[in-house]
Amino acid sequence: MEMSEWTSQVRRGILEYCIMLLISKEPRYGYELVTLLDKWEPFAITEGTLYPLLRRLLKENYIESFWRESESGPPRKYYNLTPSGHHLLEMMFLEWGKVSGAVHQIQSYKGEEQL
C-alpha cells in the first residue's frame, strides 16, 4: 500500500468528524468549511469532496440545511446539526478518545510491561 492510499483511508472518517465538529460550533456554509479546513493541511479538501459528504449527512438526517442572505453576494446554504447529529457527534467524540488514546499507548509501548 502506498502512503497516499493509507493517508486517504485514515483521513476519510476523521474528516467527517471534523466537519461535524465545525458545524456543531455554529451553522456553516460549504465554502466556509472548505476554507476553514484549509487551516489544517491534512484536512484540506475541495468542494467536490465536501458536498457529497454533506449530502450524505443530510440524507441520514445528521445535519439540516437552510438558506441565509449574504452581505457579499447571493444567499448561502448553511448546515446545522440535528438532534441525531449531536448524538452521533457525541458518540464519535467518545470513540475518537478511545482510538487516539489506544494509539498513543501503542506508540509509547516498550514491550516489557503488561497492558
C-alpha atoms as a PDB file:
ATOM      1  CA  MET A   1       0.000   0.000   0.000  1.00  0.00           C
ATOM      2  CA  GLU A   2       1.317   3.418  -0.905  1.00  0.00           C
ATOM      3  CA  MET A   3       1.496   6.151   1.706  1.00  0.00           C
ATOM      4  CA  SER A   4      -1.037   8.331  -0.142  1.00  0.00           C
ATOM      5  CA  GLU A   5      -3.587   5.487  -0.127  1.00  0.00           C
ATOM      6  CA  TRP A   6      -3.085   4.884   3.605  1.00  0.00           C
ATOM      7  CA  THR A   7      -3.378   8.607   4.349  1.00  0.00           C
ATOM      8  CA  SER A   8      -6.567   8.826   2.298  1.00  0.00           C
ATOM      9  CA  GLN A   9      -8.128   5.928   4.218  1.00  0.00           C
ATOM     10  CA  VAL A  10      -7.240   7.408   7.619  1.00  0.00           C
ATOM     11  CA  ARG A  11      -8.425  10.879   6.614  1.00  0.00           C
ATOM     12  CA  ARG A  12     -11.841   9.792   5.348  1.00  0.00           C
ATOM     13  CA  GLY A  13     -13.505   9.043   8.695  1.00  0.00           C
ATOM     14  CA  ILE A  14     -11.696  11.725  10.642  1.00  0.00           C
ATOM     15  CA  LEU A  15     -12.712  14.338   8.069  1.00  0.00           C
ATOM     16  CA  GLU A  16     -16.407  13.626   8.683  1.00  0.00           C
ATOM     17  CA  TYR A  17     -15.829  14.013  12.419  1.00  0.00           C
ATOM     18  CA  CYS A  18     -14.001  17.348  11.909  1.00  0.00           C
ATOM     19  CA  ILE A  19     -16.740  18.711   9.630  1.00  0.00           C
ATOM     20  CA  MET A  20     -19.391  17.812  12.181  1.00  0.00           C
ATOM     21  CA  LEU A  21     -17.297  19.453  14.931  1.00  0.00           C
ATOM     22  CA  LEU A  22     -17.096  22.675  12.928  1.00  0.00           C
ATOM     23  CA  ILE A  23     -20.834  22.647  12.168  1.00  0.00           C
ATOM     24  CA  SER A  24     -21.635  21.966  15.829  1.00  0.00           C
ATOM     25  CA  LYS A  25     -19.975  25.226  16.886  1.00  0.00           C
ATOM     26  CA  GLU A  26     -22.182  27.351  14.606  1.00  0.00           C
ATOM     27  CA  PRO A  27     -24.032  26.951  11.301  1.00  0.00           C
ATOM     28  CA  ARG A  28     -21.589  26.963   8.380  1.00  0.00           C
ATOM     29  CA  TYR A  29     -21.878  27.140   4.601  1.00  0.00           C
ATOM     30  CA  GLY A  30     -19.947  24.845   2.276  1.00  0.00           C
ATOM     31  CA  TYR A  31     -17.221  27.141   1.034  1.00  0.00           C
ATOM     32  CA  GLU A  32     -16.650  28.343   4.601  1.00  0.00           C
ATOM     33  CA  LEU A  33     -15.985  24.725   5.635  1.00  0.00           C
ATOM     34  CA  VAL A  34     -13.511  24.285   2.762  1.00  0.00           C
ATOM     35  CA  THR A  35     -11.713  27.484   3.813  1.00  0.00           C
ATOM     36  CA  LEU A  36     -11.652  26.527   7.492  1.00  0.00           C
ATOM     37  CA  LEU A  37     -10.312  23.040   6.783  1.00  0.00           C
ATOM     38  CA  ASP A  38      -7.507  24.580   4.701  1.00  0.00           C
ATOM     39  CA  LYS A  39      -6.043  25.812   8.017  1.00  0.00           C
ATOM     40  CA  TRP A  40      -5.169  22.192   8.844  1.00  0.00           C
ATOM     41  CA  GLU A  41      -3.207  20.804   5.888  1.00  0.00           C
ATOM     42  CA  PRO A  42      -4.159  17.142   6.415  1.00  0.00           C
ATOM     43  CA  PHE A  43      -7.831  18.123   6.121  1.00  0.00           C
ATOM     44  CA  ALA A  44      -7.624  20.476   3.139  1.00  0.00           C
ATOM     45  CA  ILE A  45     -10.379  19.389   0.740  1.00  0.00           C
ATOM     46  CA  THR A  46     -12.136  20.561  -2.384  1.00  0.00           C
ATOM     47  CA  GLU A  47     -15.804  21.357  -2.759  1.00  0.00           C
ATOM     48  CA  GLY A  48     -16.038  18.180  -4.865  1.00  0.00           C
ATOM     49  CA  THR A  49     -15.138  16.161  -1.763  1.00  0.00           C
ATOM     50  CA  LEU A  50     -17.179  18.194   0.716  1.00  0.00           C
ATOM     51  CA  TYR A  51     -20.586  18.401  -0.950  1.00  0.00           C
ATOM     52  CA  PRO A  52     -21.147  14.646  -1.425  1.00  0.00           C
ATOM     53  CA  LEU A  53     -20.304  14.185   2.269  1.00  0.00           C
ATOM     54  CA  LEU A  54     -22.763  16.946   3.244  1.00  0.00           C
ATOM     55  CA  ARG A  55     -25.474  15.406   1.008  1.00  0.00           C
ATOM     56  CA  ARG A  56     -24.997  12.039   2.700  1.00  0.00           C
ATOM     57  CA  LEU A  57     -25.178  13.602   6.178  1.00  0.00           C
ATOM     58  CA  LEU A  58     -28.373  15.430   5.103  1.00  0.00           C
ATOM     59  CA  LYS A  59     -29.892  12.214   3.760  1.00  0.00           C
ATOM     60  CA  GLU A  60     -29.041  10.396   7.007  1.00  0.00           C
ATOM     61  CA  ASN A  61     -30.635  13.272   8.992  1.00  0.00           C
ATOM     62  CA  TYR A  62     -27.450  14.177  10.899  1.00  0.00           C
ATOM     63  CA  ILE A  63     -27.458  17.717   9.513  1.00  0.00           C
ATOM     64  CA  GLU A  64     -30.088  20.067   8.149  1.00  0.00           C
ATOM     65  CA  SER A  65     -29.733  22.987   5.769  1.00  0.00           C
ATOM     66  CA  PHE A  66     -31.250  26.425   5.448  1.00  0.00           C
ATOM     67  CA  TRP A  67     -30.681  29.468   3.281  1.00  0.00           C
ATOM     68  CA  ARG A  68     -29.394  32.756   4.645  1.00  0.00           C
ATOM     69  CA  GLU A  69     -28.891  36.055   2.843  1.00  0.00           C
ATOM     70  CA  SER A  70     -25.292  37.077   2.305  1.00  0.00           C
ATOM     71  CA  GLU A  71     -23.929  40.612   2.561  1.00  0.00           C
ATOM     72  CA  SER A  72     -21.435  39.898  -0.228  1.00  0.00           C
ATOM     73  CA  GLY A  73     -23.430  38.010  -2.852  1.00  0.00           C
ATOM     74  CA  PRO A  74     -26.232  35.515  -3.346  1.00  0.00           C
ATOM     75  CA  PRO A  75     -27.878  33.650  -0.444  1.00  0.00           C
ATOM     76  CA  ARG A  76     -25.828  30.828   1.049  1.00  0.00           C
ATOM     77  CA  LYS A  77     -26.884  27.358   2.115  1.00  0.00           C
ATOM     78  CA  TYR A  78     -25.919  26.792   5.745  1.00  0.00           C
ATOM     79  CA  TYR A  79     -25.663  23.495   7.577  1.00  0.00           C
ATOM     80  CA  ASN A  80     -26.580  22.786  11.171  1.00  0.00           C
ATOM     81  CA  LEU A  81     -26.528  19.600  13.282  1.00  0.00           C
ATOM     82  CA  THR A  82     -29.848  17.915  14.013  1.00  0.00           C
ATOM     83  CA  PRO A  83     -30.510  16.256  17.391  1.00  0.00           C
ATOM     84  CA  SER A  84     -29.419  12.917  15.900  1.00  0.00           C
ATOM     85  CA  GLY A  85     -26.306  14.681  14.531  1.00  0.00           C
ATOM     86  CA  HIS A  86     -25.460  15.935  18.028  1.00  0.00           C
ATOM     87  CA  HIS A  87     -25.886  12.376  19.319  1.00  0.00           C
ATOM     88  CA  LEU A  88     -23.653  10.965  16.558  1.00  0.00           C
ATOM     89  CA  LEU A  89     -21.035  13.624  17.278  1.00  0.00           C
ATOM     90  CA  GLU A  90     -21.087  12.691  20.958  1.00  0.00           C
ATOM     91  CA  MET A  91     -20.537   9.035  20.038  1.00  0.00           C
ATOM     92  CA  MET A  92     -17.743   9.991  17.618  1.00  0.00           C
ATOM     93  CA  PHE A  93     -16.107  12.080  20.355  1.00  0.00           C
ATOM     94  CA  LEU A  94     -16.109   9.137  22.777  1.00  0.00           C
ATOM     95  CA  GLU A  95     -14.860   6.692  20.145  1.00  0.00           C
ATOM     96  CA  TRP A  96     -12.140   9.097  18.983  1.00  0.00           C
ATOM     97  CA  GLY A  97     -10.959   9.387  22.592  1.00  0.00           C
ATOM     98  CA  LYS A  98     -10.668   5.599  22.864  1.00  0.00           C
ATOM     99  CA  VAL A  99      -8.943   5.191  19.495  1.00  0.00           C
ATOM    100  CA  SER A 100      -6.493   8.072  19.892  1.00  0.00           C
ATOM    101  CA  GLY A 101      -5.734   7.019  23.482  1.00  0.00           C
ATOM    102  CA  ALA A 102      -5.023   3.438  22.390  1.00  0.00           C
ATOM    103  CA  VAL A 103      -2.786   4.609  19.526  1.00  0.00           C
ATOM    104  CA  HIS A 104      -0.883   6.842  21.947  1.00  0.00           C
ATOM    105  CA  GLN A 105      -0.397   3.894  24.327  1.00  0.00           C
ATOM    106  CA  ILE A 106       0.826   1.680  21.481  1.00  0.00           C
ATOM    107  CA  GLN A 107       3.244   4.385  20.324  1.00  0.00           C
ATOM    108  CA  SER A 108       4.805   4.572  23.786  1.00  0.00           C
ATOM    109  CA  TYR A 109       4.609   0.817  24.496  1.00  0.00           C
ATOM    110  CA  LYS A 110       8.071  -0.566  25.228  1.00  0.00           C
ATOM    111  CA  GLY A 111       7.152  -4.221  25.089  1.00  0.00           C
ATOM    112  CA  GLU A 112       8.231  -5.240  28.584  1.00  0.00           C
ATOM    113  CA  GLU A 113       5.261  -4.216  30.681  1.00  0.00           C
ATOM    114  CA  GLN A 114       1.893  -5.893  30.581  1.00  0.00           C
ATOM    115  CA  LEU A 115      -1.091  -3.969  29.250  1.00  0.00           C
END
